[in-house]
Protein backbone atom coordinates (compact mmCIF):
# COMPACT_ATOMS: atom_id res chain seq x y z
CA MET A 1 24.89 50.97 104.29
CA VAL A 2 26.82 48.87 102.02
CA LEU A 3 27.37 46.27 104.73
CA LEU A 4 23.55 46.31 105.76
CA LEU A 5 22.59 45.77 102.07
CA GLY A 6 25.16 42.82 101.64
CA ALA A 7 23.58 41.08 104.73
CA LEU A 8 20.41 41.47 103.27
CA VAL A 9 20.98 39.57 100.06
CA ILE A 10 23.01 37.01 101.81
CA ALA A 11 19.48 36.37 104.04
CA ILE A 12 17.39 36.36 100.98
CA GLY A 13 19.66 33.80 99.15
CA THR A 14 19.90 31.59 102.13
CA ALA A 15 15.82 31.80 102.40
CA LEU A 16 15.44 30.60 98.93
CA ALA A 17 18.29 27.81 99.18
CA ALA A 18 16.56 26.36 102.12
CA ARG A 19 13.24 26.53 100.36
CA SER A 20 14.39 24.66 97.47
CA MET A 21 15.57 21.87 99.89
CA PHE A 22 12.94 21.31 101.33
CA VAL A 23 10.68 21.07 98.11
CA GLY A 24 12.99 18.53 96.93
CA SER A 25 12.89 16.32 99.89
CA SER A 26 9.25 16.15 99.82
CA ALA A 27 9.01 15.44 96.19
CA PRO A 28 10.00 11.91 96.40
CA GLN A 29 7.61 10.87 99.41
CA ALA A 30 4.54 11.98 97.31
CA GLN A 31 5.68 9.99 94.30
CA ALA A 32 6.17 6.70 96.64
CA ALA A 33 2.72 6.81 97.80
CA PRO A 34 0.86 3.83 96.29
CA GLU A 35 -1.78 4.48 93.93
CA VAL A 36 -5.58 3.38 94.80
CA PRO A 37 -7.31 1.61 91.58
CA THR A 38 -9.76 3.80 90.43
CA GLY A 39 -11.24 1.70 87.85
CA PRO A 40 -14.19 -0.98 88.18
CA LYS A 41 -14.52 -4.02 90.19
CA VAL A 42 -13.19 -7.06 88.49
CA LEU A 43 -13.88 -10.77 89.32
CA VAL A 44 -10.62 -12.43 90.38
CA ALA A 45 -9.56 -15.77 91.61
CA GLN A 46 -8.98 -15.67 95.29
CA ARG A 47 -6.60 -18.81 95.10
CA SER A 48 -4.85 -20.83 92.27
CA LEU A 49 -7.49 -22.55 90.32
CA PRO A 50 -6.01 -25.25 88.30
CA VAL A 51 -7.60 -26.93 85.05
CA GLY A 52 -10.81 -29.14 85.93
CA THR A 53 -11.70 -27.02 88.98
CA ILE A 54 -15.19 -26.43 89.74
CA ILE A 55 -16.08 -23.03 90.55
CA THR A 56 -17.52 -22.04 93.81
CA ALA A 57 -18.41 -18.78 95.70
CA GLU A 58 -15.41 -19.09 97.94
CA SER A 59 -12.87 -19.31 95.01
CA ILE A 60 -13.74 -15.96 93.45
CA GLY A 61 -14.35 -12.16 94.03
CA TYR A 62 -14.60 -8.92 92.83
CA GLN A 63 -11.73 -6.15 93.28
CA LEU A 64 -10.80 -3.12 91.94
CA TRP A 65 -8.77 -2.91 88.81
CA PRO A 66 -6.92 0.01 87.15
CA LYS A 67 -9.38 1.50 84.30
CA GLU A 68 -6.76 1.45 81.93
CA MET A 69 -5.98 -2.08 82.27
CA VAL A 70 -9.67 -3.34 81.72
CA GLN A 71 -10.29 -5.54 78.72
CA ASP A 72 -13.39 -6.87 77.38
CA ALA A 73 -13.28 -10.48 78.46
CA TYR A 74 -13.13 -9.47 82.23
CA PHE A 75 -16.13 -9.84 84.51
CA ILE A 76 -17.18 -6.81 85.59
CA ASP A 77 -19.07 -6.00 88.94
CA GLY A 78 -22.75 -4.69 88.07
CA GLU A 79 -22.35 -6.19 84.49
CA ALA A 80 -21.98 -9.83 84.91
CA ASP A 81 -24.24 -12.12 87.01
CA MET A 82 -21.45 -14.29 89.42
CA SER A 83 -24.12 -16.81 90.42
CA LYS A 84 -24.45 -17.91 86.99
CA LEU A 85 -20.66 -18.79 86.85
CA LEU A 86 -20.98 -21.23 90.00
CA GLY A 87 -20.57 -24.41 88.63
CA THR A 88 -18.71 -23.76 85.64
CA VAL A 89 -15.01 -25.57 84.84
CA VAL A 90 -11.77 -23.90 84.66
CA ARG A 91 -10.69 -24.46 81.09
CA SER A 92 -6.91 -22.64 81.79
CA PRO A 93 -5.19 -22.28 84.66
CA ILE A 94 -5.81 -19.22 86.77
CA THR A 95 -3.60 -18.02 89.45
CA ALA A 96 -4.36 -16.17 92.78
CA GLY A 97 -5.22 -12.62 92.16
CA GLU A 98 -5.42 -12.96 88.19
CA PRO A 99 -8.92 -11.62 86.57
CA VAL A 100 -11.13 -14.29 85.58
CA THR A 101 -11.72 -13.96 81.69
CA ARG A 102 -14.98 -15.55 79.48
CA GLY A 103 -12.36 -18.01 77.62
CA SER A 104 -11.25 -19.51 80.87
CA LEU A 105 -14.44 -20.66 81.92
CA VAL A 106 -16.63 -23.62 80.24
CA SER A 107 -20.10 -23.64 81.08
CA PRO A 108 -22.51 -26.47 81.73
CA GLY A 109 -24.24 -27.46 78.41
CA ASP A 110 -20.99 -26.42 76.23
CA ARG A 111 -18.91 -28.45 74.31
CA GLY A 112 -15.83 -30.27 76.53
CA PHE A 113 -17.67 -29.10 79.45
CA LEU A 114 -17.18 -32.63 81.29
CA ALA A 115 -13.75 -33.24 79.54
CA ALA A 116 -12.49 -29.82 81.03
CA ALA A 117 -13.59 -31.09 84.60
CA LEU A 118 -11.59 -34.19 84.38
CA GLY A 119 -8.35 -34.10 85.93
CA PRO A 120 -5.27 -35.41 83.78
CA GLY A 121 -5.21 -39.31 82.84
CA MET A 122 -8.87 -39.53 84.69
CA ARG A 123 -12.28 -40.77 83.08
CA ALA A 124 -15.74 -40.07 83.96
CA VAL A 125 -18.48 -42.94 84.66
CA THR A 126 -22.02 -42.88 85.42
CA ILE A 127 -23.77 -45.30 87.78
CA PRO A 128 -27.64 -45.51 88.60
CA VAL A 129 -28.52 -44.62 91.92
CA SER A 130 -31.75 -44.43 93.92
CA ALA A 131 -32.89 -42.43 97.02
CA LYS A 132 -31.76 -45.43 99.12
CA THR A 133 -28.21 -45.90 97.31
CA GLY A 134 -27.57 -42.29 96.95
CA VAL A 135 -27.61 -40.95 100.45
CA ALA A 136 -31.15 -39.46 99.95
CA GLY A 137 -29.97 -36.74 97.96
CA PHE A 138 -27.25 -35.33 99.97
CA VAL A 139 -24.57 -35.89 97.81
CA PHE A 140 -23.42 -32.99 95.33
CA PRO A 141 -20.95 -32.24 92.77
CA GLY A 142 -17.20 -31.78 94.45
CA ASP A 143 -18.03 -34.19 97.49
CA ARG A 144 -16.06 -37.29 97.89
CA VAL A 145 -17.91 -40.98 98.25
CA ASP A 146 -16.86 -44.46 98.86
CA LEU A 147 -18.77 -47.06 96.70
CA MET A 148 -20.18 -50.47 98.23
CA LEU A 149 -21.27 -53.22 96.34
CA THR A 150 -23.84 -55.48 97.79
CA GLN A 151 -24.49 -59.21 96.56
CA SER A 152 -25.45 -62.82 97.36
CA VAL A 153 -22.92 -65.54 96.79
CA LYS A 154 -23.00 -69.11 97.71
CA GLY A 155 -21.88 -69.82 101.14
CA ASP A 156 -21.14 -73.29 103.27
CA GLU A 157 -24.06 -76.28 102.75
CA GLY A 158 -25.18 -74.46 99.46
CA ASN A 159 -26.66 -71.50 101.82
CA ASP A 160 -26.91 -68.06 100.23
CA LEU A 161 -24.15 -65.70 101.66
CA LYS A 162 -24.85 -62.03 101.96
CA THR A 163 -22.14 -59.59 101.72
CA THR A 164 -21.11 -55.82 101.35
CA GLU A 165 -18.03 -54.93 100.54
CA THR A 166 -16.30 -51.34 99.97
CA PHE A 167 -14.41 -51.63 97.03
CA LEU A 168 -13.57 -47.81 96.11
CA LYS A 169 -12.78 -45.09 98.40
CA ASN A 170 -12.35 -41.27 97.71
CA VAL A 171 -13.94 -40.94 94.53
CA ARG A 172 -15.06 -37.62 93.23
CA VAL A 173 -18.53 -36.58 92.31
CA LEU A 174 -18.55 -34.75 88.99
CA ALA A 175 -22.51 -34.49 88.34
CA THR A 176 -25.50 -35.70 89.42
CA ASP A 177 -27.89 -36.51 86.59
CA GLN A 178 -27.31 -33.82 84.14
CA SER A 179 -26.17 -30.91 86.61
CA THR A 180 -22.60 -30.10 87.82
CA ASP A 181 -23.97 -27.04 90.22
CA THR A 182 -25.83 -26.97 93.56
CA ALA A 183 -29.14 -25.84 93.37
CA VAL A 184 -29.33 -22.65 95.93
CA VAL A 185 -32.66 -20.90 96.55
CA GLU A 186 -33.07 -17.69 98.79
CA GLY A 187 -29.34 -18.24 99.98
CA LYS A 188 -30.22 -22.39 101.00
CA THR A 189 -29.12 -25.53 99.36
CA VAL A 190 -31.92 -27.65 97.84
CA VAL A 191 -31.91 -31.27 98.44
CA LYS A 192 -33.18 -33.08 95.33
CA ALA A 193 -33.21 -36.51 94.54
CA PHE A 194 -31.25 -38.02 91.15
CA SER A 195 -30.98 -40.96 89.24
CA ASN A 196 -27.39 -41.10 88.09
CA VAL A 197 -24.48 -39.85 89.44
CA THR A 198 -20.84 -39.18 87.36
CA LEU A 199 -17.87 -40.14 88.87
CA GLU A 200 -14.20 -39.05 88.20
CA VAL A 201 -11.98 -42.14 88.30
CA THR A 202 -8.94 -43.78 86.93
CA PRO A 203 -9.02 -46.22 83.65
CA ARG A 204 -8.26 -49.12 85.90
CA ILE A 205 -11.24 -48.06 88.08
CA ALA A 206 -13.41 -47.34 85.61
CA GLU A 207 -13.18 -50.89 84.45
CA LYS A 208 -13.78 -52.38 87.92
CA ILE A 209 -17.02 -50.19 88.00
CA SER A 210 -18.44 -51.54 84.97
CA VAL A 211 -18.06 -54.94 86.15
CA ALA A 212 -19.01 -54.31 89.52
CA GLN A 213 -22.61 -53.27 88.32
CA THR A 214 -23.35 -56.61 86.52
CA ILE A 215 -22.61 -58.29 89.85
CA GLY A 216 -24.83 -56.61 92.34
CA THR A 217 -26.29 -53.30 93.42
CA LEU A 218 -23.75 -50.24 94.14
CA SER A 219 -23.97 -47.85 96.66
CA LEU A 220 -22.99 -44.73 97.90
CA SER A 221 -21.34 -43.57 101.34
CA LEU A 222 -20.70 -39.61 101.40
CA ARG A 223 -17.11 -38.94 103.11
CA SER A 224 -16.46 -36.25 105.75
CA ILE A 225 -14.49 -33.38 104.89
CA ALA A 226 -12.21 -33.96 107.56
CA ASP A 227 -11.22 -37.08 106.17
CA ASN A 228 -8.78 -35.01 103.89
CA GLN A 229 -6.15 -34.94 106.92
CA SER A 230 -6.39 -38.25 107.70
CA GLU A 231 -5.64 -39.23 104.22
CA LEU A 232 -2.78 -37.28 104.10
CA GLU A 233 -1.34 -38.68 107.14
CA ARG A 234 -1.70 -42.16 105.85
CA ALA A 235 -0.38 -41.16 102.39
CA ILE A 236 2.64 -39.68 104.24
CA ALA A 237 2.95 -42.63 106.50
CA SER A 238 2.73 -45.28 103.63
CA GLY A 239 5.30 -43.09 101.36
CA GLU A 240 3.02 -41.76 98.59
CA VAL A 241 3.60 -38.08 99.50
CA GLU A 242 6.79 -36.80 100.83
CA ILE A 243 6.76 -33.44 102.34
CA PRO A 244 10.01 -31.72 102.89
CA ALA A 245 11.19 -30.62 106.13
CA GLY A 246 10.08 -26.85 106.70
CA ALA A 247 7.46 -26.95 103.80
CA SER A 248 5.08 -23.92 103.89
CA SER A 249 1.47 -23.79 104.34
CA ASP A 250 1.27 -23.78 100.38
CA ASP A 251 3.21 -26.72 99.96
CA GLU A 252 1.33 -28.86 102.42
CA ALA A 253 -2.27 -27.63 101.03
CA LYS A 254 -0.74 -28.45 97.44
CA ALA A 255 0.03 -31.98 98.90
CA VAL A 256 -3.66 -32.73 100.55
CA ARG A 257 -4.77 -31.45 97.17
CA THR A 258 -2.56 -34.29 95.68
CA VAL A 259 -4.01 -36.73 97.94
CA ILE A 260 -7.82 -35.86 97.85
CA ALA A 261 -7.63 -35.98 94.08
CA LYS A 262 -6.58 -39.79 93.71
CA PRO A 263 -9.65 -42.53 94.20
CA ASN A 264 -8.40 -45.30 96.02
CA ASP A 265 -8.98 -49.31 95.03
CA ARG A 266 -6.70 -50.76 97.77
CA GLY A 267 -7.59 -52.01 101.24
CA SER A 268 -11.34 -53.08 100.58
CA THR A 269 -13.41 -54.09 103.58
CA PHE A 270 -16.10 -56.40 103.93
CA VAL A 271 -19.04 -57.48 105.88
CA THR A 272 -20.79 -60.72 105.57
CA GLY A 273 -24.42 -61.57 107.03
CA GLY A 274 -22.71 -63.62 109.98
CA ASP A 275 -21.28 -60.45 111.26
CA VAL A 276 -24.71 -58.97 111.40
CA SER A 277 -26.85 -61.52 112.51
CA ARG A 278 -26.17 -64.92 114.22
CA PHE A 279 -28.82 -66.62 112.22
CA GLN A 280 -26.76 -65.80 109.01
CA PRO A 281 -24.17 -68.24 107.81
CA ARG A 282 -20.53 -66.93 107.82
CA GLY A 283 -18.47 -66.66 104.88
CA GLY A 284 -15.24 -68.92 104.37
CA ALA A 285 -13.60 -71.75 102.83
CA LYS A 286 -15.58 -74.77 102.74
CA LYS A 287 -14.70 -78.01 105.08
CA ASP A 288 -13.84 -81.30 103.71
CA GLU A 289 -16.06 -83.81 105.48
CA ASN A 290 -13.91 -86.46 104.75
CA ALA A 291 -10.71 -85.27 105.98
CA GLY A 292 -9.35 -86.25 109.62
CA PRO A 293 -8.50 -84.26 112.30
CA PRO A 294 -5.31 -82.16 111.56
CA VAL A 295 -1.89 -83.98 111.81
CA PRO A 296 0.76 -82.32 113.73
CA VAL A 297 3.87 -82.27 111.61
CA VAL A 298 7.99 -81.72 112.29
CA ARG A 299 10.18 -80.05 110.04
CA VAL A 300 13.64 -81.74 110.10
CA THR A 301 16.93 -80.17 108.31
CA ARG A 302 19.89 -81.73 107.44
CA GLY A 303 22.19 -79.06 105.96
CA LYS A 304 20.39 -77.78 102.84
CA ASN A 305 17.49 -80.02 102.48
CA THR A 306 14.41 -80.14 104.71
CA GLU A 307 12.01 -82.79 105.37
CA VAL A 308 8.32 -82.65 106.72
CA VAL A 309 7.73 -85.31 108.85
CA PRO A 310 4.21 -86.51 110.69
CA ALA A 311 4.71 -86.08 114.59
CA GLY A 312 3.69 -89.81 115.70
CA ALA A 313 5.14 -92.46 118.27
CA LYS A 314 6.48 -94.44 115.16
CA ALA A 315 7.70 -91.21 113.52
CA THR A 316 9.07 -90.08 116.32
CA ALA A 317 10.76 -93.22 117.14
CA SER A 318 12.27 -93.27 113.74
CA LEU A 319 13.64 -89.76 113.68
CA LEU A 320 15.17 -90.01 116.96
CA SER A 321 16.87 -93.39 115.63
CA GLN A 322 17.94 -91.46 112.76
CA GLN A 323 19.37 -88.59 114.77
CA SER A 324 21.03 -90.78 117.00
CA GLN A 325 22.90 -92.63 114.05
CA GLY A 326 23.97 -89.11 112.38
CA TYR A 327 25.32 -88.05 115.84
CA ALA A 328 27.46 -91.44 116.05
CA ASN A 329 28.72 -91.30 112.52
CA ALA A 330 29.86 -87.32 113.21
CA ALA A 331 31.49 -88.44 116.23
CA LYS A 332 33.61 -91.25 114.56
CA SER A 333 34.75 -89.12 111.91
CA VAL A 334 35.96 -86.16 114.24
CA PRO A 335 39.59 -87.05 116.05
CA THR A 336 40.01 -85.91 119.47
CA GLY A 337 42.91 -84.40 121.26
CA LEU A 338 44.53 -80.80 121.40
CA SER A 339 46.49 -81.15 117.82
CA THR A 340 43.02 -81.18 116.14
CA LEU A 341 42.10 -78.19 118.23
CA ARG A 342 45.14 -76.50 116.98
């Protein structure tokens, strides 16, 4: 009986010890399980939004957020109208996944709105356009355009020379008339005419635009979105942008944003009336009617001195005579023999 009682006590103790071990091992696993936020949906940034970014539908979205961390400055789903935020401008930088606050955005009409939309060191200029020179209203805030200058100048023989020159490239549109957002009705973009376009440029380019408006007519040329990659390749080839080896996709995207944010006023192209119609005069320097046919010349170099001699019968004979005399004098002054070579 004593042995049976002892065995029973040992069995009960072993069972209790095993139970405590299983409970202790399962407790950490239950604590390590991630907690799903049970609070409301808060408006957050879908990507990094630097200062001056114009808010679009792709840049923000709603996400579940812990209830105890929700603040009054957040935009909450069901209480805020996200459509009213489209076209606003980021006043302070917002990182990806960070909640968008009311103080971080500037709405059109607010004080300092346009200044917040400008990048560091950039300026805003406004130019008048029409349906003909403004791509028939198909230019929207955030698009990139080229600027063309059309003018009439005096050509050869006093004829008017018609010419158009693309003197600015990759310029960002800030606003059309006094609107910085895209009109959307029932999910469709509305194309409307405008009479003024506000552009983001450097101080130097702002001066060029001011002068260009007094010279001739300015027209807009809408750029393709696919030009971003070609602009990046051109900038890399010219050394303007350097992408280190093994750069991540984020680094490449940052380089692309850096390139497309810069307007370009170099490498302008032009077309004259002669390039369009054979009946229009071509540009170029006016020829001198009194000047004779071009005379070929010969460059003669003696030591460090170079002389330009017209190529002709007398000039050639004189040149040969001088060369022969020079060779003769050189031959007299140079002694011969093996000792000289030594």
